[in-house]
């Protein structure tokens, strides 16, 4: 029976890591991500840990330095400023598109509601 060994950290994006392991007997390699990928039409596919970390900072008034301070205390490698700002822009675009769609639905509903009322005499 072979042993499983960690090869290296094969990929990193912000707070997401993908580690690769290898079996000494069959040489099969398996990748283990530290986060799931989530996606939607407005935002594309992104690492969940990056989205939630930036989202949390945005909703509490924090920013990159606040996230870095919090993670440093825990000994967790942080995401770079460039990745943070890019994720901020993606979330901003997603929020904007979602709000526009929601407001359009409300406008259509309100318009149809008011048009269905009988005229005032």
PDB file of N, CA and C in Angstrom:
ATOM      1  N   UNK A   1       0.845  -1.169   0.000  1.00  0.00           N
ATOM      2  CA  UNK A   1       0.000   0.000   0.000  1.00  0.00           C
ATOM      3  C   UNK A   1       0.896   1.238   0.000  1.00  0.00           C
ATOM      4  N   UNK A   2       0.562   2.195  -0.853  1.00  0.00           N
ATOM      5  CA  UNK A   2       1.353   3.414  -0.983  1.00  0.00           C
ATOM      6  C   UNK A   2       1.023   4.443   0.083  1.00  0.00           C
ATOM      7  N   UNK A   3       1.799   5.479   0.112  1.00  0.00           N
ATOM      8  CA  UNK A   3       1.548   6.581   1.035  1.00  0.00           C
ATOM      9  C   UNK A   3       1.199   7.831   0.235  1.00  0.00           C
ATOM     10  N   UNK A   4       0.422   8.655   0.862  1.00  0.00           N
ATOM     11  CA  UNK A   4       0.012   9.922   0.242  1.00  0.00           C
ATOM     12  C   UNK A   4       0.916  11.016   0.795  1.00  0.00           C
ATOM     13  N   UNK A   5       1.457  11.813  -0.084  1.00  0.00           N
ATOM     14  CA  UNK A   5       2.297  12.922   0.373  1.00  0.00           C
ATOM     15  C   UNK A   5       1.879  14.212  -0.312  1.00  0.00           C
ATOM     16  N   UNK A   6       2.042  15.284   0.416  1.00  0.00           N
ATOM     17  CA  UNK A   6       1.736  16.611  -0.103  1.00  0.00           C
ATOM     18  C   UNK A   6       2.863  17.008  -1.040  1.00  0.00           C
ATOM     19  N   UNK A   7       2.519  17.340  -2.258  1.00  0.00           N
ATOM     20  CA  UNK A   7       3.547  17.751  -3.221  1.00  0.00           C
ATOM     21  C   UNK A   7       3.934  19.194  -2.942  1.00  0.00           C
ATOM     22  N   UNK A   8       3.031  20.080  -3.228  1.00  0.00           N
ATOM     23  CA  UNK A   8       3.265  21.510  -3.007  1.00  0.00           C
ATOM     24  C   UNK A   8       1.927  22.214  -3.019  1.00  0.00           C
ATOM     25  N   UNK A   9       1.974  23.477  -2.653  1.00  0.00           N
ATOM     26  CA  UNK A   9       0.829  24.343  -2.861  1.00  0.00           C
ATOM     27  C   UNK A   9       0.882  24.657  -4.349  1.00  0.00           C
ATOM     28  N   UNK A  10      -0.060  24.126  -5.103  1.00  0.00           N
ATOM     29  CA  UNK A  10       0.046  24.251  -6.551  1.00  0.00           C
ATOM     30  C   UNK A  10      -0.586  25.515  -7.105  1.00  0.00           C
ATOM     31  N   UNK A  11      -1.452  26.146  -6.320  1.00  0.00           N
ATOM     32  CA  UNK A  11      -2.135  27.323  -6.835  1.00  0.00           C
ATOM     33  C   UNK A  11      -2.633  28.161  -5.670  1.00  0.00           C
ATOM     34  N   UNK A  12      -2.557  29.467  -5.819  1.00  0.00           N
ATOM     35  CA  UNK A  12      -3.092  30.367  -4.810  1.00  0.00           C
ATOM     36  C   UNK A  12      -3.734  31.549  -5.507  1.00  0.00           C
ATOM     37  N   UNK A  13      -4.932  31.919  -5.029  1.00  0.00           N
ATOM     38  CA  UNK A  13      -5.617  33.099  -5.524  1.00  0.00           C
ATOM     39  C   UNK A  13      -6.282  33.763  -4.340  1.00  0.00           C
ATOM     40  N   UNK A  14      -5.723  34.886  -3.896  1.00  0.00           N
ATOM     41  CA  UNK A  14      -6.259  35.552  -2.716  1.00  0.00           C
ATOM     42  C   UNK A  14      -6.127  34.657  -1.503  1.00  0.00           C
ATOM     43  N   UNK A  15      -7.251  34.318  -0.894  1.00  0.00           N
ATOM     44  CA  UNK A  15      -7.251  33.459   0.288  1.00  0.00           C
ATOM     45  C   UNK A  15      -7.422  31.979  -0.064  1.00  0.00           C
ATOM     46  N   UNK A  16      -7.672  31.692  -1.320  1.00  0.00           N
ATOM     47  CA  UNK A  16      -7.895  30.302  -1.761  1.00  0.00           C
ATOM     48  C   UNK A  16      -6.571  29.651  -2.135  1.00  0.00           C
ATOM     49  N   UNK A  17      -6.406  28.418  -1.686  1.00  0.00           N
ATOM     50  CA  UNK A  17      -5.235  27.610  -2.014  1.00  0.00           C
ATOM     51  C   UNK A  17      -5.708  26.301  -2.623  1.00  0.00           C
ATOM     52  N   UNK A  18      -4.902  25.741  -3.504  1.00  0.00           N
ATOM     53  CA  UNK A  18      -5.142  24.393  -4.004  1.00  0.00           C
ATOM     54  C   UNK A  18      -3.860  23.617  -3.736  1.00  0.00           C
ATOM     55  N   UNK A  19      -3.981  22.564  -2.940  1.00  0.00           N
ATOM     56  CA  UNK A  19      -2.843  21.714  -2.614  1.00  0.00           C
ATOM     57  C   UNK A  19      -2.921  20.451  -3.459  1.00  0.00           C
ATOM     58  N   UNK A  20      -1.777  19.942  -3.859  1.00  0.00           N
ATOM     59  CA  UNK A  20      -1.726  18.699  -4.629  1.00  0.00           C
ATOM     60  C   UNK A  20      -1.066  17.607  -3.799  1.00  0.00           C
ATOM     61  N   UNK A  21      -1.644  16.420  -3.871  1.00  0.00           N
ATOM     62  CA  UNK A  21      -1.076  15.255  -3.194  1.00  0.00           C
ATOM     63  C   UNK A  21      -0.759  14.195  -4.236  1.00  0.00           C
ATOM     64  N   UNK A  22       0.097  13.271  -3.846  1.00  0.00           N
ATOM     65  CA  UNK A  22       0.497  12.212  -4.769  1.00  0.00           C
ATOM     66  C   UNK A  22       0.597  10.894  -4.007  1.00  0.00           C
ATOM     67  N   UNK A  23       0.176   9.821  -4.670  1.00  0.00           N
ATOM     68  CA  UNK A  23       0.302   8.480  -4.110  1.00  0.00           C
ATOM     69  C   UNK A  23       1.657   7.920  -4.530  1.00  0.00           C
ATOM     70  N   UNK A  24       2.414   7.394  -3.565  1.00  0.00           N
ATOM     71  CA  UNK A  24       3.748   6.864  -3.876  1.00  0.00           C
ATOM     72  C   UNK A  24       3.688   5.572  -4.691  1.00  0.00           C
ATOM     73  N   UNK A  25       2.560   4.868  -4.623  1.00  0.00           N
ATOM     74  CA  UNK A  25       2.454   3.603  -5.341  1.00  0.00           C
ATOM     75  C   UNK A  25       1.974   3.784  -6.784  1.00  0.00           C
ATOM     76  N   UNK A  26       0.876   4.519  -6.971  1.00  0.00           N
ATOM     77  CA  UNK A  26       0.308   4.634  -8.323  1.00  0.00           C
ATOM     78  C   UNK A  26       0.627   5.971  -8.999  1.00  0.00           C
ATOM     79  N   UNK A  27       1.252   6.878  -8.275  1.00  0.00           N
ATOM     80  CA  UNK A  27       1.625   8.206  -8.778  1.00  0.00           C
ATOM     81  C   UNK A  27       0.419   9.082  -9.110  1.00  0.00           C
ATOM     82  N   UNK A  28      -0.769   8.682  -8.680  1.00  0.00           N
ATOM     83  CA  UNK A  28      -1.962   9.484  -8.935  1.00  0.00           C
ATOM     84  C   UNK A  28      -1.895  10.768  -8.123  1.00  0.00           C
ATOM     85  N   UNK A  29      -2.242  11.871  -8.757  1.00  0.00           N
ATOM     86  CA  UNK A  29      -2.249  13.157  -8.073  1.00  0.00           C
ATOM     87  C   UNK A  29      -3.680  13.637  -7.910  1.00  0.00           C
ATOM     88  N   UNK A  30      -3.949  14.202  -6.749  1.00  0.00           N
ATOM     89  CA  UNK A  30      -5.273  14.734  -6.447  1.00  0.00           C
ATOM     90  C   UNK A  30      -5.095  16.147  -5.910  1.00  0.00           C
ATOM     91  N   UNK A  31      -5.934  17.061  -6.402  1.00  0.00           N
ATOM     92  CA  UNK A  31      -5.891  18.450  -5.945  1.00  0.00           C
ATOM     93  C   UNK A  31      -7.001  18.673  -4.910  1.00  0.00           C
ATOM     94  N   UNK A  32      -6.659  19.385  -3.840  1.00  0.00           N
ATOM     95  CA  UNK A  32      -7.605  19.708  -2.775  1.00  0.00           C
ATOM     96  C   UNK A  32      -7.690  21.220  -2.613  1.00  0.00           C
ATOM     97  N   UNK A  33      -8.786  21.831  -3.048  1.00  0.00           N
ATOM     98  CA  UNK A  33      -8.946  23.279  -2.844  1.00  0.00           C
ATOM     99  C   UNK A  33      -9.382  23.567  -1.410  1.00  0.00           C
ATOM    100  N   UNK A  34      -9.008  24.726  -0.898  1.00  0.00           N
ATOM    101  CA  UNK A  34      -9.396  25.124   0.452  1.00  0.00           C
ATOM    102  C   UNK A  34     -10.706  25.904   0.472  1.00  0.00           C
ATOM    103  N   UNK A  35     -11.279  26.138  -0.690  1.00  0.00           N
ATOM    104  CA  UNK A  35     -12.540  26.871  -0.778  1.00  0.00           C
ATOM    105  C   UNK A  35     -13.322  26.356  -1.969  1.00  0.00           C
ATOM    106  N   UNK A  36     -14.635  26.552  -1.911  1.00  0.00           N
ATOM    107  CA  UNK A  36     -15.432  26.201  -3.085  1.00  0.00           C
ATOM    108  C   UNK A  36     -15.473  27.387  -4.037  1.00  0.00           C
ATOM    109  N   UNK A  37     -15.853  27.084  -5.250  1.00  0.00           N
ATOM    110  CA  UNK A  37     -16.031  28.136  -6.245  1.00  0.00           C
ATOM    111  C   UNK A  37     -17.527  28.359  -6.393  1.00  0.00           C
ATOM    112  N   UNK A  38     -17.900  29.610  -6.431  1.00  0.00           N
ATOM    113  CA  UNK A  38     -19.303  29.971  -6.603  1.00  0.00           C
ATOM    114  C   UNK A  38     -19.408  30.887  -7.807  1.00  0.00           C
ATOM    115  N   UNK A  39     -20.566  30.946  -8.355  1.00  0.00           N
ATOM    116  CA  UNK A  39     -20.703  31.805  -9.517  1.00  0.00           C
ATOM    117  C   UNK A  39     -22.133  32.081  -9.870  1.00  0.00           C
ATOM    118  N   UNK A  40     -22.248  33.027 -10.737  1.00  0.00           N
ATOM    119  CA  UNK A  40     -23.545  33.406 -11.242  1.00  0.00           C
ATOM    120  C   UNK A  40     -23.347  34.171 -12.532  1.00  0.00           C
ATOM    121  N   UNK A  41     -24.443  34.496 -13.141  1.00  0.00           N
ATOM    122  CA  UNK A  41     -24.387  35.181 -14.426  1.00  0.00           C
ATOM    123  C   UNK A  41     -23.708  36.542 -14.301  1.00  0.00           C
ATOM    124  N   UNK A  42     -24.000  37.276 -13.244  1.00  0.00           N
ATOM    125  CA  UNK A  42     -23.460  38.630 -13.108  1.00  0.00           C
ATOM    126  C   UNK A  42     -21.990  38.650 -12.694  1.00  0.00           C
ATOM    127  N   UNK A  43     -21.560  37.682 -11.899  1.00  0.00           N
ATOM    128  CA  UNK A  43     -20.222  37.755 -11.310  1.00  0.00           C
ATOM    129  C   UNK A  43     -19.210  36.783 -11.883  1.00  0.00           C
ATOM    130  N   UNK A  44     -19.638  35.815 -12.643  1.00  0.00           N
ATOM    131  CA  UNK A  44     -18.697  34.796 -13.100  1.00  0.00           C
ATOM    132  C   UNK A  44     -18.397  33.833 -11.959  1.00  0.00           C
ATOM    133  N   UNK A  45     -17.413  32.966 -12.138  1.00  0.00           N
ATOM    134  CA  UNK A  45     -17.060  31.987 -11.108  1.00  0.00           C
ATOM    135  C   UNK A  45     -15.881  32.511 -10.305  1.00  0.00           C
ATOM    136  N   UNK A  46     -16.040  32.541  -8.985  1.00  0.00           N
ATOM    137  CA  UNK A  46     -15.023  33.083  -8.082  1.00  0.00           C
ATOM    138  C   UNK A  46     -14.847  32.172  -6.881  1.00  0.00           C
ATOM    139  N   UNK A  47     -13.711  32.317  -6.203  1.00  0.00           N
ATOM    140  CA  UNK A  47     -13.485  31.572  -4.960  1.00  0.00           C
ATOM    141  C   UNK A  47     -14.364  32.179  -3.876  1.00  0.00           C
ATOM    142  N   UNK A  48     -15.125  31.327  -3.212  1.00  0.00           N
ATOM    143  CA  UNK A  48     -16.070  31.776  -2.187  1.00  0.00           C
ATOM    144  C   UNK A  48     -15.373  32.501  -1.036  1.00  0.00           C
ATOM    145  N   UNK A  49     -14.221  32.002  -0.603  1.00  0.00           N
ATOM    146  CA  UNK A  49     -13.538  32.627   0.540  1.00  0.00           C
ATOM    147  C   UNK A  49     -13.118  34.068   0.221  1.00  0.00           C
ATOM    148  N   UNK A  50     -12.733  34.344  -1.024  1.00  0.00           N
ATOM    149  CA  UNK A  50     -12.357  35.706  -1.399  1.00  0.00           C
ATOM    150  C   UNK A  50     -13.574  36.626  -1.414  1.00  0.00           C
ATOM    151  N   UNK A  51     -14.674  36.134  -1.989  1.00  0.00           N
ATOM    152  CA  UNK A  51     -15.888  36.945  -2.040  1.00  0.00           C
ATOM    153  C   UNK A  51     -16.405  37.268  -0.652  1.00  0.00           C
ATOM    154  N   UNK A  52     -16.462  36.257   0.218  1.00  0.00           N
ATOM    155  CA  UNK A  52     -17.020  36.495   1.550  1.00  0.00           C
ATOM    156  C   UNK A  52     -16.109  37.374   2.401  1.00  0.00           C
ATOM    157  N   UNK A  53     -14.795  37.240   2.258  1.00  0.00           N
ATOM    158  CA  UNK A  53     -13.877  38.079   3.034  1.00  0.00           C
ATOM    159  C   UNK A  53     -14.013  39.545   2.623  1.00  0.00           C
ATOM    160  N   UNK A  54     -14.057  39.796   1.331  1.00  0.00           N
ATOM    161  CA  UNK A  54     -14.182  41.175   0.848  1.00  0.00           C
ATOM    162  C   UNK A  54     -15.574  41.715   1.151  1.00  0.00           C
ATOM    163  N   UNK A  55     -16.596  40.896   0.964  1.00  0.00           N
ATOM    164  CA  UNK A  55     -17.968  41.301   1.260  1.00  0.00           C
ATOM    165  C   UNK A  55     -18.079  41.722   2.735  1.00  0.00           C
ATOM    166  N   UNK A  56     -17.515  40.910   3.609  1.00  0.00           N
ATOM    167  CA  UNK A  56     -17.545  41.236   5.039  1.00  0.00           C
ATOM    168  C   UNK A  56     -16.880  42.562   5.343  1.00  0.00           C
ATOM    169  N   UNK A  57     -15.762  42.831   4.708  1.00  0.00           N
ATOM    170  CA  UNK A  57     -15.073  44.105   4.926  1.00  0.00           C
ATOM    171  C   UNK A  57     -15.880  45.266   4.374  1.00  0.00           C
ATOM    172  N   UNK A  58     -16.479  45.091   3.211  1.00  0.00           N
ATOM    173  CA  UNK A  58     -17.271  46.158   2.601  1.00  0.00           C
ATOM    174  C   UNK A  58     -18.492  46.507   3.450  1.00  0.00           C
ATOM    175  N   UNK A  59     -19.164  45.499   3.981  1.00  0.00           N
ATOM    176  CA  UNK A  59     -20.387  45.753   4.742  1.00  0.00           C
ATOM    177  C   UNK A  59     -20.114  46.317   6.129  1.00  0.00           C
ATOM    178  N   UNK A  60     -18.906  46.144   6.638  1.00  0.00           N
ATOM    179  CA  UNK A  60     -18.584  46.687   7.961  1.00  0.00           C
ATOM    180  C   UNK A  60     -17.734  47.955   7.877  1.00  0.00           C
ATOM    181  N   UNK A  61     -17.489  48.429   6.659  1.00  0.00           N
ATOM    182  CA  UNK A  61     -16.720  49.657   6.494  1.00  0.00           C
ATOM    183  C   UNK A  61     -15.219  49.438   6.499  1.00  0.00           C
ATOM    184  N   UNK A  62     -14.785  48.203   6.464  1.00  0.00           N
ATOM    185  CA  UNK A  62     -13.359  47.911   6.452  1.00  0.00           C
ATOM    186  C   UNK A  62     -12.819  47.901   5.033  1.00  0.00           C
ATOM    187  N   UNK A  63     -11.561  47.636   4.929  1.00  0.00           N
ATOM    188  CA  UNK A  63     -10.915  47.568   3.626  1.00  0.00           C
ATOM    189  C   UNK A  63      -9.804  46.544   3.659  1.00  0.00           C
ATOM    190  N   UNK A  64      -8.893  46.662   2.726  1.00  0.00           N
ATOM    191  CA  UNK A  64      -7.793  45.711   2.618  1.00  0.00           C
ATOM    192  C   UNK A  64      -6.940  45.688   3.881  1.00  0.00           C
ATOM    193  N   UNK A  65      -6.598  46.866   4.409  1.00  0.00           N
ATOM    194  CA  UNK A  65      -5.727  46.892   5.595  1.00  0.00           C
ATOM    195  C   UNK A  65      -6.414  46.283   6.816  1.00  0.00           C
ATOM    196  N   UNK A  66      -7.710  46.476   6.934  1.00  0.00           N
ATOM    197  CA  UNK A  66      -8.459  45.888   8.047  1.00  0.00           C
ATOM    198  C   UNK A  66      -8.471  44.361   7.946  1.00  0.00           C
ATOM    199  N   UNK A  67      -8.689  43.854   6.730  1.00  0.00           N
ATOM    200  CA  UNK A  67      -8.661  42.405   6.515  1.00  0.00           C
ATOM    201  C   UNK A  67      -7.274  41.855   6.808  1.00  0.00           C
ATOM    202  N   UNK A  68      -6.243  42.541   6.334  1.00  0.00           N
ATOM    203  CA  UNK A  68      -4.860  42.108   6.552  1.00  0.00           C
ATOM    204  C   UNK A  68      -4.532  42.064   8.039  1.00  0.00           C
ATOM    205  N   UNK A  69      -4.953  43.088   8.787  1.00  0.00           N
ATOM    206  CA  UNK A  69      -4.710  43.115  10.235  1.00  0.00           C
ATOM    207  C   UNK A  69      -5.373  41.925  10.931  1.00  0.00           C
ATOM    208  N   UNK A  70      -6.639  41.678  10.580  1.00  0.00           N
ATOM    209  CA  UNK A  70      -7.376  40.571  11.209  1.00  0.00           C
ATOM    210  C   UNK A  70      -6.734  39.224  10.917  1.00  0.00           C
ATOM    211  N   UNK A  71      -6.360  39.007   9.650  1.00  0.00           N
ATOM    212  CA  UNK A  71      -5.784  37.718   9.273  1.00  0.00           C
ATOM    213  C   UNK A  71      -4.371  37.547   9.818  1.00  0.00           C
ATOM    214  N   UNK A  72      -3.620  38.633   9.910  1.00  0.00           N
ATOM    215  CA  UNK A  72      -2.248  38.561  10.425  1.00  0.00           C
ATOM    216  C   UNK A  72      -2.224  38.092  11.877  1.00  0.00           C
ATOM    217  N   UNK A  73      -3.169  38.574  12.666  1.00  0.00           N
ATOM    218  CA  UNK A  73      -3.260  38.164  14.064  1.00  0.00           C
ATOM    219  C   UNK A  73      -3.480  36.663  14.166  1.00  0.00           C
ATOM    220  N   UNK A  74      -4.219  36.106  13.201  1.00  0.00           N
ATOM    221  CA  UNK A  74      -4.506  34.672  13.191  1.00  0.00           C
ATOM    222  C   UNK A  74      -3.414  33.853  12.512  1.00  0.00           C
ATOM    223  N   UNK A  75      -2.444  34.524  11.922  1.00  0.00           N
ATOM    224  CA  UNK A  75      -1.374  33.829  11.220  1.00  0.00           C
ATOM    225  C   UNK A  75      -1.809  33.268   9.877  1.00  0.00           C
ATOM    226  N   UNK A  76      -2.833  33.881   9.295  1.00  0.00           N
ATOM    227  CA  UNK A  76      -3.363  33.433   8.006  1.00  0.00           C
ATOM    228  C   UNK A  76      -2.803  34.331   6.906  1.00  0.00           C
ATOM    229  N   UNK A  77      -2.256  33.746   5.848  1.00  0.00           N
ATOM    230  CA  UNK A  77      -1.782  34.574   4.736  1.00  0.00           C
ATOM    231  C   UNK A  77      -2.948  35.370   4.150  1.00  0.00           C
ATOM    232  N   UNK A  78      -2.713  36.620   3.858  1.00  0.00           N
ATOM    233  CA  UNK A  78      -3.784  37.485   3.377  1.00  0.00           C
ATOM    234  C   UNK A  78      -3.780  37.578   1.859  1.00  0.00           C
ATOM    235  N   UNK A  79      -4.794  38.216   1.321  1.00  0.00           N
ATOM    236  CA  UNK A  79      -4.840  38.437  -0.117  1.00  0.00           C
ATOM    237  C   UNK A  79      -4.181  39.768  -0.432  1.00  0.00           C
ATOM    238  N   UNK A  80      -3.617  39.877  -1.599  1.00  0.00           N
ATOM    239  CA  UNK A  80      -2.962  41.101  -2.008  1.00  0.00           C
ATOM    240  C   UNK A  80      -3.961  42.220  -2.255  1.00  0.00           C
ATOM    241  N   UNK A  81      -3.480  43.435  -2.218  1.00  0.00           N
ATOM    242  CA  UNK A  81      -4.337  44.610  -2.428  1.00  0.00           C
ATOM    243  C   UNK A  81      -5.007  44.554  -3.806  1.00  0.00           C
ATOM    244  N   UNK A  82      -4.251  44.139  -4.819  1.00  0.00           N
ATOM    245  CA  UNK A  82      -4.789  44.067  -6.180  1.00  0.00           C
ATOM    246  C   UNK A  82      -5.978  43.103  -6.253  1.00  0.00           C
ATOM    247  N   UNK A  83      -5.836  41.931  -5.635  1.00  0.00           N
ATOM    248  CA  UNK A  83      -6.920  40.937  -5.625  1.00  0.00           C
ATOM    249  C   UNK A  83      -8.114  41.450  -4.834  1.00  0.00           C
ATOM    250  N   UNK A  84      -7.853  42.155  -3.725  1.00  0.00           N
ATOM    251  CA  UNK A  84      -8.932  42.710  -2.906  1.00  0.00           C
ATOM    252  C   UNK A  84      -9.734  43.726  -3.711  1.00  0.00           C
ATOM    253  N   UNK A  85      -9.040  44.652  -4.353  1.00  0.00           N
ATOM    254  CA  UNK A  85      -9.707  45.704  -5.129  1.00  0.00           C
ATOM    255  C   UNK A  85     -10.468  45.102  -6.305  1.00  0.00           C
ATOM    256  N   UNK A  86      -9.891  44.107  -6.971  1.00  0.00           N
ATOM    257  CA  UNK A  86     -10.580  43.454  -8.089  1.00  0.00           C
ATOM    258  C   UNK A  86     -11.867  42.780  -7.599  1.00  0.00           C
ATOM    259  N   UNK A  87     -11.803  42.133  -6.443  1.00  0.00           N
ATOM    260  CA  UNK A  87     -12.980  41.470  -5.886  1.00  0.00           C
ATOM    261  C   UNK A  87     -14.024  42.505  -5.459  1.00  0.00           C
ATOM    262  N   UNK A  88     -13.571  43.628  -4.917  1.00  0.00           N
ATOM    263  CA  UNK A  88     -14.477  44.728  -4.555  1.00  0.00           C
ATOM    264  C   UNK A  88     -15.252  45.201  -5.779  1.00  0.00           C
ATOM    265  N   UNK A  89     -14.551  45.373  -6.882  1.00  0.00           N
ATOM    266  CA  UNK A  89     -15.193  45.835  -8.123  1.00  0.00           C
ATOM    267  C   UNK A  89     -16.200  44.806  -8.633  1.00  0.00           C
ATOM    268  N   UNK A  90     -15.844  43.535  -8.555  1.00  0.00           N
ATOM    269  CA  UNK A  90     -16.753  42.474  -8.995  1.00  0.00           C
ATOM    270  C   UNK A  90     -18.019  42.484  -8.146  1.00  0.00           C
ATOM    271  N   UNK A  91     -17.852  42.571  -6.817  1.00  0.00           N
ATOM    272  CA  UNK A  91     -19.027  42.594  -5.936  1.00  0.00           C
ATOM    273  C   UNK A  91     -19.875  43.834  -6.184  1.00  0.00           C
ATOM    274  N   UNK A  92     -19.241  44.970  -6.396  1.00  0.00           N
ATOM    275  CA  UNK A  92     -19.979  46.202  -6.684  1.00  0.00           C
ATOM    276  C   UNK A  92     -20.804  46.062  -7.951  1.00  0.00           C
ATOM    277  N   UNK A  93     -20.212  45.472  -8.982  1.00  0.00           N
ATOM    278  CA  UNK A  93     -20.926  45.257 -10.233  1.00  0.00           C
ATOM    279  C   UNK A  93     -22.092  44.283 -10.030  1.00  0.00           C
ATOM    280  N   UNK A  94     -21.858  43.229  -9.273  1.00  0.00           N
ATOM    281  CA  UNK A  94     -22.924  42.247  -9.001  1.00  0.00           C
ATOM    282  C   UNK A  94     -24.072  42.883  -8.235  1.00  0.00           C
ATOM    283  N   UNK A  95     -23.734  43.662  -7.200  1.00  0.00           N
ATOM    284  CA  UNK A  95     -24.772  44.334  -6.415  1.00  0.00           C
ATOM    285  C   UNK A  95     -25.575  45.273  -7.297  1.00  0.00           C
ATOM    286  N   UNK A  96     -24.898  46.035  -8.146  1.00  0.00           N
ATOM    287  CA  UNK A  96     -25.568  47.002  -9.026  1.00  0.00           C
ATOM    288  C   UNK A  96     -26.519  46.279  -9.970  1.00  0.00           C
ATOM    289  N   UNK A  97     -26.034  45.213 -10.620  1.00  0.00           N
ATOM    290  CA  UNK A  97     -26.879  44.463 -11.554  1.00  0.00           C
ATOM    291  C   UNK A  97     -28.064  43.832 -10.853  1.00  0.00           C
ATOM    292  N   UNK A  98     -27.847  43.310  -9.660  1.00  0.00           N
ATOM    293  CA  UNK A  98     -28.931  42.688  -8.907  1.00  0.00           C
ATOM    294  C   UNK A  98     -29.972  43.730  -8.503  1.00  0.00           C
ATOM    295  N   UNK A  99     -29.512  44.899  -8.045  1.00  0.00           N
ATOM    296  CA  UNK A  99     -30.451  45.962  -7.658  1.00  0.00           C
ATOM    297  C   UNK A  99     -31.238  46.464  -8.855  1.00  0.00           C
ATOM    298  N   UNK A 100     -30.573  46.621 -10.008  1.00  0.00           N
ATOM    299  CA  UNK A 100     -31.279  47.076 -11.208  1.00  0.00           C
ATOM    300  C   UNK A 100     -32.370  46.093 -11.599  1.00  0.00           C
ATOM    301  N   UNK A 101     -32.067  44.798 -11.571  1.00  0.00           N
ATOM    302  CA  UNK A 101     -33.057  43.779 -11.914  1.00  0.00           C
ATOM    303  C   UNK A 101     -34.221  43.801 -10.926  1.00  0.00           C
ATOM    304  N   UNK A 102     -33.902  43.954  -9.648  1.00  0.00           N
ATOM    305  CA  UNK A 102     -34.932  43.986  -8.616  1.00  0.00           C
ATOM    306  C   UNK A 102     -35.826  45.221  -8.769  1.00  0.00           C
ATOM    307  N   UNK A 103     -35.213  46.367  -9.031  1.00  0.00           N
ATOM    308  CA  UNK A 103     -35.986  47.604  -9.201  1.00  0.00           C
ATOM    309  C   UNK A 103     -36.873  47.533 -10.438  1.00  0.00           C
ATOM    310  N   UNK A 104     -36.384  46.899 -11.494  1.00  0.00           N
ATOM    311  CA  UNK A 104     -37.182  46.742 -12.704  1.00  0.00           C
ATOM    312  C   UNK A 104     -38.407  45.873 -12.433  1.00  0.00           C
ATOM    313  N   UNK A 105     -38.220  44.787 -11.679  1.00  0.00           N
ATOM    314  CA  UNK A 105     -39.348  43.921 -11.325  1.00  0.00           C
ATOM    315  C   UNK A 105     -40.384  44.681 -10.510  1.00  0.00           C
ATOM    316  N   UNK A 106     -39.923  45.483  -9.557  1.00  0.00           N
ATOM    317  CA  UNK A 106     -40.840  46.269  -8.726  1.00  0.00           C
ATOM    318  C   UNK A 106     -41.582  47.285  -9.584  1.00  0.00           C
ATOM    319  N   UNK A 107     -40.871  47.930 -10.511  1.00  0.00           N
ATOM    320  CA  UNK A 107     -41.507  48.926 -11.380  1.00  0.00           C
ATOM    321  C   UNK A 107     -42.583  48.282 -12.246  1.00  0.00           C
ATOM    322  N   UNK A 108     -42.288  47.125 -12.813  1.00  0.00           N
ATOM    323  CA  UNK A 108     -43.269  46.430 -13.652  1.00  0.00           C
ATOM    324  C   UNK A 108     -44.480  46.029 -12.815  1.00  0.00           C
ATOM    325  N   UNK A 109     -44.228  45.489 -11.622  1.00  0.00           N
ATOM    326  CA  UNK A 109     -45.328  45.091 -10.742  1.00  0.00           C
ATOM    327  C   UNK A 109     -46.159  46.299 -10.340  1.00  0.00           C
ATOM    328  N   UNK A 110     -45.514  47.389  -9.925  1.00  0.00           N
ATOM    329  CA  UNK A 110     -46.236  48.593  -9.493  1.00  0.00           C
ATOM    330  C   UNK A 110     -47.057  49.158 -10.628  1.00  0.00           C
ATOM    331  N   UNK A 111     -46.479  49.214 -11.813  1.00  0.00           N
ATOM    332  CA  UNK A 111     -47.175  49.760 -12.968  1.00  0.00           C
ATOM    333  C   UNK A 111     -48.414  48.931 -13.289  1.00  0.00           C
ATOM    334  N   UNK A 112     -48.271  47.607 -13.283  1.00  0.00           N
ATOM    335  CA  UNK A 112     -49.420  46.749 -13.594  1.00  0.00           C
ATOM    336  C   UNK A 112     -50.479  46.846 -12.496  1.00  0.00           C
ATOM    337  N   UNK A 113     -50.059  47.031 -11.253  1.00  0.00           N
ATOM    338  CA  UNK A 113     -51.001  47.177 -10.143  1.00  0.00           C
ATOM    339  C   UNK A 113     -51.825  48.445 -10.305  1.00  0.00           C
ATOM    340  N   UNK A 114     -51.159  49.556 -10.569  1.00  0.00           N
ATOM    341  CA  UNK A 114     -51.876  50.830 -10.676  1.00  0.00           C
ATOM    342  C   UNK A 114     -52.755  50.873 -11.913  1.00  0.00           C
ATOM    343  N   UNK A 115     -52.342  50.241 -13.001  1.00  0.00           N
ATOM    344  CA  UNK A 115     -53.153  50.225 -14.211  1.00  0.00           C
ATOM    345  C   UNK A 115     -54.408  49.361 -14.055  1.00  0.00           C
ATOM    346  N   UNK A 116     -54.338  48.394 -13.112  1.00  0.00           N
ATOM    347  CA  UNK A 116     -55.509  47.518 -12.930  1.00  0.00           C
ATOM    348  C   UNK A 116     -56.571  48.124 -12.013  1.00  0.00           C
ATOM    349  N   UNK A 117     -56.291  49.246 -11.366  1.00  0.00           N
ATOM    350  CA  UNK A 117     -57.276  49.884 -10.471  1.00  0.00           C
ATOM    351  C   UNK A 117     -58.295  50.656 -11.301  1.00  0.00           C
ATOM    352  N   UNK A 118     -59.511  50.702 -10.827  1.00  0.00           N
ATOM    353  CA  UNK A 118     -60.520  51.489 -11.551  1.00  0.00           C
ATOM    354  C   UNK A 118     -60.217  52.988 -11.422  1.00  0.00           C
ATOM    355  N   UNK A 119     -60.580  53.761 -12.415  1.00  0.00           N
ATOM    356  CA  UNK A 119     -60.313  55.210 -12.357  1.00  0.00           C
ATOM    357  C   UNK A 119     -61.093  55.871 -11.224  1.00  0.00           C
ATOM    358  N   UNK A 120     -60.526  56.915 -10.660  1.00  0.00           N
ATOM    359  CA  UNK A 120     -61.201  57.671  -9.604  1.00  0.00           C
ATOM    360  C   UNK A 120     -62.271  58.564 -10.247  1.00  0.00           C
ATOM    361  N   UNK A 121     -63.409  58.671  -9.628  1.00  0.00           N
ATOM    362  CA  UNK A 121     -64.493  59.507 -10.153  1.00  0.00           C
ATOM    363  C   UNK A 121     -64.433  60.864  -9.522  1.00  0.00           C
TER     364      UNK A 121
END
